[in-house]
Amino acid sequence: MAVFTPVTREELANWLERYDLGELRGFEGIASGIENSNFFVTTDGGRFVLTLFERLGFDELPFYLGLMHHLAARGVPCPDPVADRHGEFLGRLQRKPAALVTRLDGHDVLHPSEAHCAQVGALLARMHRAALGYEGRLPNLRGLGWWLRTAPQVLPFLDTAQSALLRDELDRQHEFAATPLYASLPSSAVHADLFRDNVLFETLPDGAPRLGGVIDFYFAGVDTWLFDLAVAANDWCIDDASGEFETARFAALVGAYAARRPPVDAERTAWPTMLRAAALRFWLSRLHDLHLPRPAQMVVPKNPAHFERILRARRAGVPPLA
């Protein structure tokens, strides 16, 4: 989340007249993230998050909003898009596509425990099962096609060793995506960005964590469940300094996932390659955001070296899938 397109209080109040939410009581920009312009909004009717979409268009957004509504209706704790008086989830503000969703309770956890990781693994399995009935069919827009287009743009900024790493891994992933093994992997609409800052937790009176919900579905798309799990494992279960997996957290997340949705044999075979794919995807996107940035009022680019370390660690070896 970030703010690329500012909105005044008067502009927002006028836009909210299309909803049955009462008067605007307050709003503020959200600084974290790098894709869209986001604001916390409070009205007489409750607390919401407003998003102005900077890259996604009116033809793509019904997929994301429909997926959230589909999952929320099936008990998955995620933001639910708010319909206006005409029953529409999507509007236009500052000449940008805009949507309002419910705001969840809780906060992100930057230093997760085994208990946090177990709840994330269980949630991810629940999301995959719930998404099976969703009819939206938008591919993962940050998948292989995007990697192939983006790599030539960032290669001029890399040193010799980094260039060799990027070219070799991209070749291997391109080859793997054409195999029968890859084609056999279970898939559906997936979140594809289940990082620590996209899951909210509350703390119970006894100090135990309780999962409040998952947010930011705007990188979602139809992809393999294994890629979605790999993205989560590469963030929730690692030692940040080295990129290596921390054994207990890895076992908690992957074990909780497998207990609710046991992996098939093809997924166990593809697991090492998919962990590398997940690392490559975010190394590429961080390289792009650092070296080819867009102007924004509030934005903090993330360090691509983090996912370069993770990719090198995954190429050296990975623990097996439960």
C-alpha atoms as a PDB file:
ATOM      1  CA  MET A   1       0.000   0.000   0.000  1.00  0.00           C
ATOM      2  CA  ALA A   2       1.072   3.597  -0.625  1.00  0.00           C
ATOM      3  CA  VAL A   3      -0.230   6.974  -1.780  1.00  0.00           C
ATOM      4  CA  PHE A   4       0.477   7.878  -5.401  1.00  0.00           C
ATOM      5  CA  THR A   5      -2.744   9.867  -5.963  1.00  0.00           C
ATOM      6  CA  PRO A   6      -3.752  12.286  -3.175  1.00  0.00           C
ATOM      7  CA  VAL A   7      -7.428  12.784  -2.304  1.00  0.00           C
ATOM      8  CA  THR A   8      -8.920  15.720  -0.401  1.00  0.00           C
ATOM      9  CA  ARG A   9     -11.537  15.336   2.299  1.00  0.00           C
ATOM     10  CA  GLU A  10     -14.093  17.122   0.138  1.00  0.00           C
ATOM     11  CA  GLU A  11     -13.430  14.862  -2.842  1.00  0.00           C
ATOM     12  CA  LEU A  12     -13.761  11.759  -0.692  1.00  0.00           C
ATOM     13  CA  ALA A  13     -16.950  12.972   1.005  1.00  0.00           C
ATOM     14  CA  ASN A  14     -18.542  13.628  -2.382  1.00  0.00           C
ATOM     15  CA  TRP A  15     -17.500  10.204  -3.664  1.00  0.00           C
ATOM     16  CA  LEU A  16     -18.944   8.474  -0.594  1.00  0.00           C
ATOM     17  CA  GLU A  17     -22.388   9.869  -1.329  1.00  0.00           C
ATOM     18  CA  ARG A  18     -22.891   6.892  -3.634  1.00  0.00           C
ATOM     19  CA  TYR A  19     -22.869   4.610  -0.544  1.00  0.00           C
ATOM     20  CA  ASP A  20     -25.267   4.174   2.367  1.00  0.00           C
ATOM     21  CA  LEU A  21     -22.524   4.669   4.950  1.00  0.00           C
ATOM     22  CA  GLY A  22     -23.449   7.965   6.568  1.00  0.00           C
ATOM     23  CA  GLU A  23     -21.097  10.911   6.993  1.00  0.00           C
ATOM     24  CA  LEU A  24     -17.324  10.828   6.563  1.00  0.00           C
ATOM     25  CA  ARG A  25     -15.664  11.064   9.991  1.00  0.00           C
ATOM     26  CA  GLY A  26     -12.002  10.712   9.123  1.00  0.00           C
ATOM     27  CA  PHE A  27      -9.437   9.392   6.664  1.00  0.00           C
ATOM     28  CA  GLU A  28      -5.659   9.039   6.351  1.00  0.00           C
ATOM     29  CA  GLY A  29      -3.194   7.740   3.783  1.00  0.00           C
ATOM     30  CA  ILE A  30      -1.491   4.393   4.265  1.00  0.00           C
ATOM     31  CA  ALA A  31       2.252   4.565   3.644  1.00  0.00           C
ATOM     32  CA  SER A  32       3.242   0.885   3.450  1.00  0.00           C
ATOM     33  CA  GLY A  33       3.453  -0.933   0.134  1.00  0.00           C
ATOM     34  CA  ILE A  34       4.286   0.117  -3.420  1.00  0.00           C
ATOM     35  CA  GLU A  35       1.389  -0.574  -5.793  1.00  0.00           C
ATOM     36  CA  ASN A  36      -1.809   1.419  -5.131  1.00  0.00           C
ATOM     37  CA  SER A  37      -3.025   4.511  -3.283  1.00  0.00           C
ATOM     38  CA  ASN A  38      -4.677   3.435  -0.038  1.00  0.00           C
ATOM     39  CA  PHE A  39      -6.531   5.226   2.737  1.00  0.00           C
ATOM     40  CA  PHE A  40      -8.157   4.306   6.020  1.00  0.00           C
ATOM     41  CA  VAL A  41     -11.701   5.700   5.965  1.00  0.00           C
ATOM     42  CA  THR A  42     -14.106   6.054   8.897  1.00  0.00           C
ATOM     43  CA  THR A  43     -17.792   6.887   8.418  1.00  0.00           C
ATOM     44  CA  ASP A  44     -20.936   6.627  10.505  1.00  0.00           C
ATOM     45  CA  GLY A  45     -21.261   3.124   9.042  1.00  0.00           C
ATOM     46  CA  GLY A  46     -17.897   1.782  10.165  1.00  0.00           C
ATOM     47  CA  ARG A  47     -14.209   1.507   9.259  1.00  0.00           C
ATOM     48  CA  PHE A  48     -13.065   0.816   5.713  1.00  0.00           C
ATOM     49  CA  VAL A  49     -10.072   0.836   3.380  1.00  0.00           C
ATOM     50  CA  LEU A  50     -10.268   2.846   0.170  1.00  0.00           C
ATOM     51  CA  THR A  51      -7.996   1.837  -2.701  1.00  0.00           C
ATOM     52  CA  LEU A  52      -7.273   3.819  -5.847  1.00  0.00           C
ATOM     53  CA  PHE A  53      -5.747   1.439  -8.354  1.00  0.00           C
ATOM     54  CA  GLU A  54      -2.680   2.814 -10.115  1.00  0.00           C
ATOM     55  CA  ARG A  55      -1.945  -0.038 -12.523  1.00  0.00           C
ATOM     56  CA  LEU A  56      -4.906  -2.392 -12.591  1.00  0.00           C
ATOM     57  CA  GLY A  57      -7.746  -1.505 -14.944  1.00  0.00           C
ATOM     58  CA  PHE A  58     -11.507  -1.753 -14.921  1.00  0.00           C
ATOM     59  CA  ASP A  59     -11.331  -4.995 -16.909  1.00  0.00           C
ATOM     60  CA  GLU A  60      -9.097  -6.752 -14.357  1.00  0.00           C
ATOM     61  CA  LEU A  61     -10.445  -5.501 -11.037  1.00  0.00           C
ATOM     62  CA  PRO A  62     -13.718  -7.460 -10.951  1.00  0.00           C
ATOM     63  CA  PHE A  63     -11.585 -10.602 -10.570  1.00  0.00           C
ATOM     64  CA  TYR A  64      -9.925  -9.363  -7.372  1.00  0.00           C
ATOM     65  CA  LEU A  65     -13.023  -7.852  -5.814  1.00  0.00           C
ATOM     66  CA  GLY A  66     -15.081 -10.904  -6.746  1.00  0.00           C
ATOM     67  CA  LEU A  67     -12.497 -13.229  -5.212  1.00  0.00           C
ATOM     68  CA  MET A  68     -12.531 -11.360  -1.899  1.00  0.00           C
ATOM     69  CA  HIS A  69     -16.333 -11.394  -1.839  1.00  0.00           C
ATOM     70  CA  HIS A  70     -16.353 -15.112  -2.704  1.00  0.00           C
ATOM     71  CA  LEU A  71     -13.908 -15.973   0.097  1.00  0.00           C
ATOM     72  CA  ALA A  72     -15.570 -13.714   2.677  1.00  0.00           C
ATOM     73  CA  ALA A  73     -18.925 -15.346   1.946  1.00  0.00           C
ATOM     74  CA  ARG A  74     -17.342 -18.708   2.768  1.00  0.00           C
ATOM     75  CA  GLY A  75     -15.978 -17.622   6.106  1.00  0.00           C
ATOM     76  CA  VAL A  76     -12.421 -16.747   5.108  1.00  0.00           C
ATOM     77  CA  PRO A  77     -11.378 -13.702   7.182  1.00  0.00           C
ATOM     78  CA  CYS A  78     -10.591 -11.156   4.462  1.00  0.00           C
ATOM     79  CA  PRO A  79     -11.822  -7.716   3.412  1.00  0.00           C
ATOM     80  CA  ASP A  80     -15.264  -7.770   1.824  1.00  0.00           C
ATOM     81  CA  PRO A  81     -15.903  -5.212  -0.947  1.00  0.00           C
ATOM     82  CA  VAL A  82     -18.694  -2.763  -0.155  1.00  0.00           C
ATOM     83  CA  ALA A  83     -21.386  -2.346  -2.803  1.00  0.00           C
ATOM     84  CA  ASP A  84     -22.765   1.110  -3.582  1.00  0.00           C
ATOM     85  CA  ARG A  85     -26.468   1.898  -3.974  1.00  0.00           C
ATOM     86  CA  HIS A  86     -26.373   0.379  -7.465  1.00  0.00           C
ATOM     87  CA  GLY A  87     -24.827  -2.871  -6.269  1.00  0.00           C
ATOM     88  CA  GLU A  88     -21.422  -2.051  -7.762  1.00  0.00           C
ATOM     89  CA  PHE A  89     -18.114  -2.791  -6.025  1.00  0.00           C
ATOM     90  CA  LEU A  90     -16.019  -0.670  -8.383  1.00  0.00           C
ATOM     91  CA  GLY A  91     -16.178   3.076  -8.936  1.00  0.00           C
ATOM     92  CA  ARG A  92     -13.995   5.925 -10.183  1.00  0.00           C
ATOM     93  CA  LEU A  93     -12.196   8.561  -8.077  1.00  0.00           C
ATOM     94  CA  GLN A  94      -9.543  11.006  -9.317  1.00  0.00           C
ATOM     95  CA  ARG A  95      -9.954   9.349 -12.745  1.00  0.00           C
ATOM     96  CA  LYS A  96      -8.732   6.067 -11.222  1.00  0.00           C
ATOM     97  CA  PRO A  97     -10.619   2.838 -10.520  1.00  0.00           C
ATOM     98  CA  ALA A  98     -11.553   2.860  -6.833  1.00  0.00           C
ATOM     99  CA  ALA A  99     -13.093   0.434  -4.355  1.00  0.00           C
ATOM    100  CA  LEU A 100     -14.051   0.408  -0.701  1.00  0.00           C
ATOM    101  CA  VAL A 101     -13.615  -2.726   1.425  1.00  0.00           C
ATOM    102  CA  THR A 102     -14.229  -3.557   5.059  1.00  0.00           C
ATOM    103  CA  ARG A 103     -11.325  -2.968   7.444  1.00  0.00           C
ATOM    104  CA  LEU A 104     -10.182  -5.910   9.547  1.00  0.00           C
ATOM    105  CA  ASP A 105      -8.998  -5.812  13.140  1.00  0.00           C
ATOM    106  CA  GLY A 106      -5.439  -6.627  14.108  1.00  0.00           C
ATOM    107  CA  HIS A 107      -1.927  -5.712  13.054  1.00  0.00           C
ATOM    108  CA  ASP A 108       0.884  -7.319  11.116  1.00  0.00           C
ATOM    109  CA  VAL A 109       3.564  -9.320  12.915  1.00  0.00           C
ATOM    110  CA  LEU A 110       7.126  -8.744  11.772  1.00  0.00           C
ATOM    111  CA  HIS A 111       8.682 -11.427  13.996  1.00  0.00           C
ATOM    112  CA  PRO A 112       6.314 -14.417  13.832  1.00  0.00           C
ATOM    113  CA  SER A 113       6.374 -17.382  16.178  1.00  0.00           C
ATOM    114  CA  GLU A 114       5.580 -21.008  15.408  1.00  0.00           C
ATOM    115  CA  ALA A 115       1.998 -20.307  16.507  1.00  0.00           C
ATOM    116  CA  HIS A 116       1.658 -17.487  13.978  1.00  0.00           C
ATOM    117  CA  CYS A 117       3.083 -19.673  11.206  1.00  0.00           C
ATOM    118  CA  ALA A 118       0.761 -22.571  12.003  1.00  0.00           C
ATOM    119  CA  GLN A 119      -2.277 -20.307  11.734  1.00  0.00           C
ATOM    120  CA  VAL A 120      -1.044 -18.913   8.418  1.00  0.00           C
ATOM    121  CA  GLY A 121      -0.539 -22.412   7.012  1.00  0.00           C
ATOM    122  CA  ALA A 122      -4.019 -23.467   8.088  1.00  0.00           C
ATOM    123  CA  LEU A 123      -5.522 -20.296   6.636  1.00  0.00           C
ATOM    124  CA  LEU A 124      -3.799 -20.811   3.298  1.00  0.00           C
ATOM    125  CA  ALA A 125      -5.147 -24.359   2.968  1.00  0.00           C
ATOM    126  CA  ARG A 126      -8.615 -23.054   3.833  1.00  0.00           C
ATOM    127  CA  MET A 127      -8.328 -20.324   1.198  1.00  0.00           C
ATOM    128  CA  HIS A 128      -7.299 -22.797  -1.497  1.00  0.00           C
ATOM    129  CA  ARG A 129     -10.253 -25.055  -0.824  1.00  0.00           C
ATOM    130  CA  ALA A 130     -12.663 -22.131  -0.708  1.00  0.00           C
ATOM    131  CA  ALA A 131     -11.317 -20.696  -3.981  1.00  0.00           C
ATOM    132  CA  LEU A 132     -12.081 -23.878  -5.935  1.00  0.00           C
ATOM    133  CA  GLY A 133     -15.627 -22.681  -6.594  1.00  0.00           C
ATOM    134  CA  TYR A 134     -14.601 -19.233  -7.805  1.00  0.00           C
ATOM    135  CA  GLU A 135     -15.245 -18.791 -11.524  1.00  0.00           C
ATOM    136  CA  GLY A 136     -12.876 -15.849 -12.153  1.00  0.00           C
ATOM    137  CA  ARG A 137     -10.078 -16.738 -14.552  1.00  0.00           C
ATOM    138  CA  LEU A 138      -7.429 -14.012 -14.492  1.00  0.00           C
ATOM    139  CA  PRO A 139      -3.863 -15.402 -14.675  1.00  0.00           C
ATOM    140  CA  ASN A 140      -1.183 -14.356 -12.213  1.00  0.00           C
ATOM    141  CA  LEU A 141      -0.054 -11.063 -13.781  1.00  0.00           C
ATOM    142  CA  ARG A 142       3.331 -11.351 -12.034  1.00  0.00           C
ATOM    143  CA  GLY A 143       3.937 -14.868 -13.321  1.00  0.00           C
ATOM    144  CA  LEU A 144       6.386 -16.212 -15.905  1.00  0.00           C
ATOM    145  CA  GLY A 145       5.318 -13.876 -18.703  1.00  0.00           C
ATOM    146  CA  TRP A 146       6.025 -10.854 -16.515  1.00  0.00           C
ATOM    147  CA  TRP A 147       9.382 -12.300 -15.435  1.00  0.00           C
ATOM    148  CA  LEU A 148      10.434 -12.710 -19.068  1.00  0.00           C
ATOM    149  CA  ARG A 149       9.436  -9.128 -19.903  1.00  0.00           C
ATOM    150  CA  THR A 150      10.964  -7.589 -16.783  1.00  0.00           C
ATOM    151  CA  ALA A 151      14.360  -9.305 -16.691  1.00  0.00           C
ATOM    152  CA  PRO A 152      15.772  -7.399 -19.696  1.00  0.00           C
ATOM    153  CA  GLN A 153      14.737  -4.115 -18.048  1.00  0.00           C
ATOM    154  CA  VAL A 154      16.669  -4.767 -14.831  1.00  0.00           C
ATOM    155  CA  LEU A 155      19.715  -6.606 -16.209  1.00  0.00           C
ATOM    156  CA  PRO A 156      21.610  -3.344 -16.995  1.00  0.00           C
ATOM    157  CA  PHE A 157      21.594  -2.537 -13.267  1.00  0.00           C
ATOM    158  CA  LEU A 158      23.121  -5.864 -12.169  1.00  0.00           C
ATOM    159  CA  ASP A 159      26.729  -6.937 -11.764  1.00  0.00           C
ATOM    160  CA  THR A 160      28.147  -9.957 -13.580  1.00  0.00           C
ATOM    161  CA  ALA A 161      27.307 -12.495 -10.861  1.00  0.00           C
ATOM    162  CA  GLN A 162      23.765 -11.196 -10.433  1.00  0.00           C
ATOM    163  CA  SER A 163      23.177 -11.210 -14.195  1.00  0.00           C
ATOM    164  CA  ALA A 164      24.338 -14.821 -14.429  1.00  0.00           C
ATOM    165  CA  LEU A 165      22.069 -15.817 -11.547  1.00  0.00           C
ATOM    166  CA  LEU A 166      19.030 -14.106 -13.049  1.00  0.00           C
ATOM    167  CA  ARG A 167      19.552 -15.534 -16.541  1.00  0.00           C
ATOM    168  CA  ASP A 168      20.157 -19.074 -15.293  1.00  0.00           C
ATOM    169  CA  GLU A 169      17.182 -19.161 -12.935  1.00  0.00           C
ATOM    170  CA  LEU A 170      14.859 -17.642 -15.520  1.00  0.00           C
ATOM    171  CA  ASP A 171      15.922 -20.265 -18.079  1.00  0.00           C
ATOM    172  CA  ARG A 172      15.280 -23.054 -15.591  1.00  0.00           C
ATOM    173  CA  GLN A 173      11.860 -21.727 -14.639  1.00  0.00           C
ATOM    174  CA  HIS A 174      10.921 -21.287 -18.289  1.00  0.00           C
ATOM    175  CA  GLU A 175      11.839 -24.913 -18.977  1.00  0.00           C
ATOM    176  CA  PHE A 176      10.007 -26.162 -15.886  1.00  0.00           C
ATOM    177  CA  ALA A 177       6.780 -24.329 -16.798  1.00  0.00           C
ATOM    178  CA  ALA A 178       6.613 -26.340 -20.038  1.00  0.00           C
ATOM    179  CA  THR A 179       6.775 -29.750 -18.317  1.00  0.00           C
ATOM    180  CA  PRO A 180       3.912 -32.202 -17.687  1.00  0.00           C
ATOM    181  CA  LEU A 181       4.842 -32.083 -14.004  1.00  0.00           C
ATOM    182  CA  TYR A 182       4.079 -28.374 -13.814  1.00  0.00           C
ATOM    183  CA  ALA A 183       0.820 -28.838 -15.749  1.00  0.00           C
ATOM    184  CA  SER A 184      -0.335 -31.468 -13.220  1.00  0.00           C
ATOM    185  CA  LEU A 185      -0.053 -29.198 -10.158  1.00  0.00           C
ATOM    186  CA  PRO A 186      -3.370 -28.267  -8.478  1.00  0.00           C
ATOM    187  CA  SER A 187      -4.386 -24.661  -9.029  1.00  0.00           C
ATOM    188  CA  SER A 188      -7.108 -22.072  -8.523  1.00  0.00           C
ATOM    189  CA  ALA A 189      -7.270 -18.372  -7.782  1.00  0.00           C
ATOM    190  CA  VAL A 190      -4.529 -17.767  -5.187  1.00  0.00           C
ATOM    191  CA  HIS A 191      -3.359 -14.815  -3.109  1.00  0.00           C
ATOM    192  CA  ALA A 192       0.237 -14.959  -4.463  1.00  0.00           C
ATOM    193  CA  ASP A 193       1.530 -12.320  -1.984  1.00  0.00           C
ATOM    194  CA  LEU A 194       0.918 -13.800   1.481  1.00  0.00           C
ATOM    195  CA  PHE A 195       3.702 -11.924   3.271  1.00  0.00           C
ATOM    196  CA  ARG A 196       3.846 -10.969   6.932  1.00  0.00           C
ATOM    197  CA  ASP A 197       2.485  -7.494   6.221  1.00  0.00           C
ATOM    198  CA  ASN A 198      -0.594  -8.967   4.518  1.00  0.00           C
ATOM    199  CA  VAL A 199      -1.854 -10.963   7.513  1.00  0.00           C
ATOM    200  CA  LEU A 200      -3.319  -9.362  10.625  1.00  0.00           C
ATOM    201  CA  PHE A 201      -3.227 -10.820  14.135  1.00  0.00           C
ATOM    202  CA  GLU A 202      -4.759  -9.893  17.460  1.00  0.00           C
ATOM    203  CA  THR A 203      -3.351 -10.878  20.861  1.00  0.00           C
ATOM    204  CA  LEU A 204      -5.659 -12.761  23.230  1.00  0.00           C
ATOM    205  CA  PRO A 205      -5.682 -12.044  26.999  1.00  0.00           C
ATOM    206  CA  ASP A 206      -3.414 -15.039  27.613  1.00  0.00           C
ATOM    207  CA  GLY A 207      -0.889 -13.698  25.101  1.00  0.00           C
ATOM    208  CA  ALA A 208      -1.706 -16.201  22.363  1.00  0.00           C
ATOM    209  CA  PRO A 209      -2.096 -14.898  18.803  1.00  0.00           C
ATOM    210  CA  ARG A 210      -5.433 -14.977  17.004  1.00  0.00           C
ATOM    211  CA  LEU A 211      -5.519 -14.515  13.248  1.00  0.00           C
ATOM    212  CA  GLY A 212      -7.626 -11.486  12.321  1.00  0.00           C
ATOM    213  CA  GLY A 213      -7.520 -11.907   8.556  1.00  0.00           C
ATOM    214  CA  VAL A 214      -5.635 -11.672   5.289  1.00  0.00           C
ATOM    215  CA  ILE A 215      -5.510  -8.482   3.212  1.00  0.00           C
ATOM    216  CA  ASP A 216      -4.236  -7.071  -0.114  1.00  0.00           C
ATOM    217  CA  PHE A 217      -5.468  -9.464  -2.800  1.00  0.00           C
ATOM    218  CA  TYR A 218      -4.351  -7.252  -5.685  1.00  0.00           C
ATOM    219  CA  PHE A 219      -1.572  -9.589  -6.795  1.00  0.00           C
ATOM    220  CA  ALA A 220      -3.954 -12.556  -6.823  1.00  0.00           C
ATOM    221  CA  GLY A 221      -4.446 -14.666  -9.917  1.00  0.00           C
ATOM    222  CA  VAL A 222      -4.943 -18.203 -11.106  1.00  0.00           C
ATOM    223  CA  ASP A 223      -1.763 -20.080 -10.296  1.00  0.00           C
ATOM    224  CA  THR A 224      -0.653 -23.259  -8.568  1.00  0.00           C
ATOM    225  CA  TRP A 225      -1.369 -23.791  -4.902  1.00  0.00           C
ATOM    226  CA  LEU A 226       2.273 -24.786  -4.512  1.00  0.00           C
ATOM    227  CA  PHE A 227       3.491 -21.369  -5.703  1.00  0.00           C
ATOM    228  CA  ASP A 228       1.196 -19.692  -3.167  1.00  0.00           C
ATOM    229  CA  LEU A 229       2.563 -21.898  -0.380  1.00  0.00           C
ATOM    230  CA  ALA A 230       6.138 -21.233  -1.505  1.00  0.00           C
ATOM    231  CA  VAL A 231       5.601 -17.465  -1.397  1.00  0.00           C
ATOM    232  CA  ALA A 232       4.345 -17.721   2.181  1.00  0.00           C
ATOM    233  CA  ALA A 233       7.112 -20.074   3.323  1.00  0.00           C
ATOM    234  CA  ASN A 234       9.817 -17.819   1.836  1.00  0.00           C
ATOM    235  CA  ASP A 235       8.652 -14.954   4.037  1.00  0.00           C
ATOM    236  CA  TRP A 236       7.149 -16.390   7.218  1.00  0.00           C
ATOM    237  CA  CYS A 237       9.666 -19.144   7.927  1.00  0.00           C
ATOM    238  CA  ILE A 238      13.083 -17.617   7.306  1.00  0.00           C
ATOM    239  CA  ASP A 239      16.012 -16.111   9.107  1.00  0.00           C
ATOM    240  CA  ASP A 240      15.972 -12.627   7.588  1.00  0.00           C
ATOM    241  CA  ALA A 241      19.735 -12.177   7.734  1.00  0.00           C
ATOM    242  CA  SER A 242      20.591 -15.324   5.772  1.00  0.00           C
ATOM    243  CA  GLY A 243      17.408 -16.236   3.905  1.00  0.00           C
ATOM    244  CA  GLU A 244      17.642 -19.773   5.280  1.00  0.00           C
ATOM    245  CA  PHE A 245      14.592 -21.539   6.660  1.00  0.00           C
ATOM    246  CA  GLU A 246      14.117 -21.585  10.428  1.00  0.00           C
ATOM    247  CA  THR A 247      13.240 -25.228  11.045  1.00  0.00           C
ATOM    248  CA  ALA A 248      10.489 -24.901  13.653  1.00  0.00           C
ATOM    249  CA  ARG A 249       8.559 -22.154  11.857  1.00  0.00           C
ATOM    250  CA  PHE A 250       8.864 -23.976   8.532  1.00  0.00           C
ATOM    251  CA  ALA A 251       7.514 -27.189  10.069  1.00  0.00           C
ATOM    252  CA  ALA A 252       4.653 -25.279  11.726  1.00  0.00           C
ATOM    253  CA  LEU A 253       3.476 -23.519   8.561  1.00  0.00           C
ATOM    254  CA  VAL A 254       3.910 -26.364   6.094  1.00  0.00           C
ATOM    255  CA  GLY A 255       2.641 -28.949   8.583  1.00  0.00           C
ATOM    256  CA  ALA A 256      -0.537 -27.004   9.344  1.00  0.00           C
ATOM    257  CA  TYR A 257      -1.155 -26.543   5.626  1.00  0.00           C
ATOM    258  CA  ALA A 258      -0.613 -30.238   4.849  1.00  0.00           C
ATOM    259  CA  ALA A 259      -2.877 -31.319   7.720  1.00  0.00           C
ATOM    260  CA  ARG A 260      -5.792 -29.548   6.032  1.00  0.00           C
ATOM    261  CA  ARG A 261      -4.834 -30.038   2.392  1.00  0.00           C
ATOM    262  CA  PRO A 262      -2.341 -32.878   1.919  1.00  0.00           C
ATOM    263  CA  PRO A 263       0.052 -32.251  -0.996  1.00  0.00           C
ATOM    264  CA  VAL A 264       0.017 -34.644  -3.945  1.00  0.00           C
ATOM    265  CA  ASP A 265       3.168 -36.423  -5.136  1.00  0.00           C
ATOM    266  CA  ALA A 266       3.708 -33.986  -8.011  1.00  0.00           C
ATOM    267  CA  GLU A 267       3.811 -31.103  -5.534  1.00  0.00           C
ATOM    268  CA  ARG A 268       6.456 -32.810  -3.422  1.00  0.00           C
ATOM    269  CA  THR A 269       8.586 -33.299  -6.535  1.00  0.00           C
ATOM    270  CA  ALA A 270       8.112 -29.696  -7.729  1.00  0.00           C
ATOM    271  CA  TRP A 271       8.618 -28.091  -4.303  1.00  0.00           C
ATOM    272  CA  PRO A 272      12.328 -27.130  -4.640  1.00  0.00           C
ATOM    273  CA  THR A 273      11.764 -25.519  -8.036  1.00  0.00           C
ATOM    274  CA  MET A 274       8.667 -23.678  -6.863  1.00  0.00           C
ATOM    275  CA  LEU A 275      10.449 -22.218  -3.849  1.00  0.00           C
ATOM    276  CA  ARG A 276      13.005 -20.825  -6.269  1.00  0.00           C
ATOM    277  CA  ALA A 277      10.231 -19.492  -8.512  1.00  0.00           C
ATOM    278  CA  ALA A 278       8.703 -17.639  -5.578  1.00  0.00           C
ATOM    279  CA  ALA A 279      12.071 -16.115  -4.676  1.00  0.00           C
ATOM    280  CA  LEU A 280      12.743 -15.121  -8.296  1.00  0.00           C
ATOM    281  CA  ARG A 281       9.365 -13.404  -8.627  1.00  0.00           C
ATOM    282  CA  PHE A 282      10.020 -11.071  -5.693  1.00  0.00           C
ATOM    283  CA  TRP A 283      13.683 -10.481  -6.494  1.00  0.00           C
ATOM    284  CA  LEU A 284      12.606  -9.294  -9.938  1.00  0.00           C
ATOM    285  CA  SER A 285       9.797  -7.085  -8.674  1.00  0.00           C
ATOM    286  CA  ARG A 286      12.023  -5.432  -6.063  1.00  0.00           C
ATOM    287  CA  LEU A 287      14.742  -4.842  -8.630  1.00  0.00           C
ATOM    288  CA  HIS A 288      12.176  -3.231 -10.907  1.00  0.00           C
ATOM    289  CA  ASP A 289      10.718  -1.048  -8.159  1.00  0.00           C
ATOM    290  CA  LEU A 290      14.163   0.092  -7.009  1.00  0.00           C
ATOM    291  CA  HIS A 291      15.710   0.881 -10.377  1.00  0.00           C
ATOM    292  CA  LEU A 292      12.588   1.901 -12.334  1.00  0.00           C
ATOM    293  CA  PRO A 293      10.448   3.579  -9.651  1.00  0.00           C
ATOM    294  CA  ARG A 294       7.206   5.472 -10.048  1.00  0.00           C
ATOM    295  CA  PRO A 295       6.644   8.815  -8.288  1.00  0.00           C
ATOM    296  CA  ALA A 296       4.590   8.626  -5.109  1.00  0.00           C
ATOM    297  CA  GLN A 297       3.690  10.861  -2.191  1.00  0.00           C
ATOM    298  CA  MET A 298       4.330   8.069   0.286  1.00  0.00           C
ATOM    299  CA  VAL A 299       6.316   5.020  -0.762  1.00  0.00           C
ATOM    300  CA  VAL A 300       9.173   2.944   0.659  1.00  0.00           C
ATOM    301  CA  PRO A 301      10.924   0.694  -1.927  1.00  0.00           C
ATOM    302  CA  LYS A 302      12.101  -2.648  -0.564  1.00  0.00           C
ATOM    303  CA  ASN A 303      15.641  -3.984  -0.799  1.00  0.00           C
ATOM    304  CA  PRO A 304      16.027  -6.543  -3.627  1.00  0.00           C
ATOM    305  CA  ALA A 305      19.152  -8.018  -1.977  1.00  0.00           C
ATOM    306  CA  HIS A 306      16.848  -9.785   0.495  1.00  0.00           C
ATOM    307  CA  PHE A 307      15.322 -11.984  -2.191  1.00  0.00           C
ATOM    308  CA  GLU A 308      18.608 -12.443  -3.984  1.00  0.00           C
ATOM    309  CA  ARG A 309      19.850 -14.079  -0.753  1.00  0.00           C
ATOM    310  CA  ILE A 310      16.717 -16.218  -0.563  1.00  0.00           C
ATOM    311  CA  LEU A 311      17.052 -17.357  -4.178  1.00  0.00           C
ATOM    312  CA  ARG A 312      20.685 -18.339  -3.673  1.00  0.00           C
ATOM    313  CA  ALA A 313      19.744 -20.210  -0.497  1.00  0.00           C
ATOM    314  CA  ARG A 314      16.949 -22.120  -2.279  1.00  0.00           C
ATOM    315  CA  ARG A 315      19.252 -23.086  -5.125  1.00  0.00           C
ATOM    316  CA  ALA A 316      21.603 -24.573  -2.545  1.00  0.00           C
ATOM    317  CA  GLY A 317      18.913 -26.878  -1.146  1.00  0.00           C
ATOM    318  CA  VAL A 318      15.506 -26.926   0.600  1.00  0.00           C
ATOM    319  CA  PRO A 319      13.698 -29.032   3.221  1.00  0.00           C
ATOM    320  CA  PRO A 320      11.091 -31.451   1.829  1.00  0.00           C
ATOM    321  CA  LEU A 321       7.398 -30.673   1.668  1.00  0.00           C
ATOM    322  CA  ALA A 322       5.411 -32.334   4.477  1.00  0.00           C
END
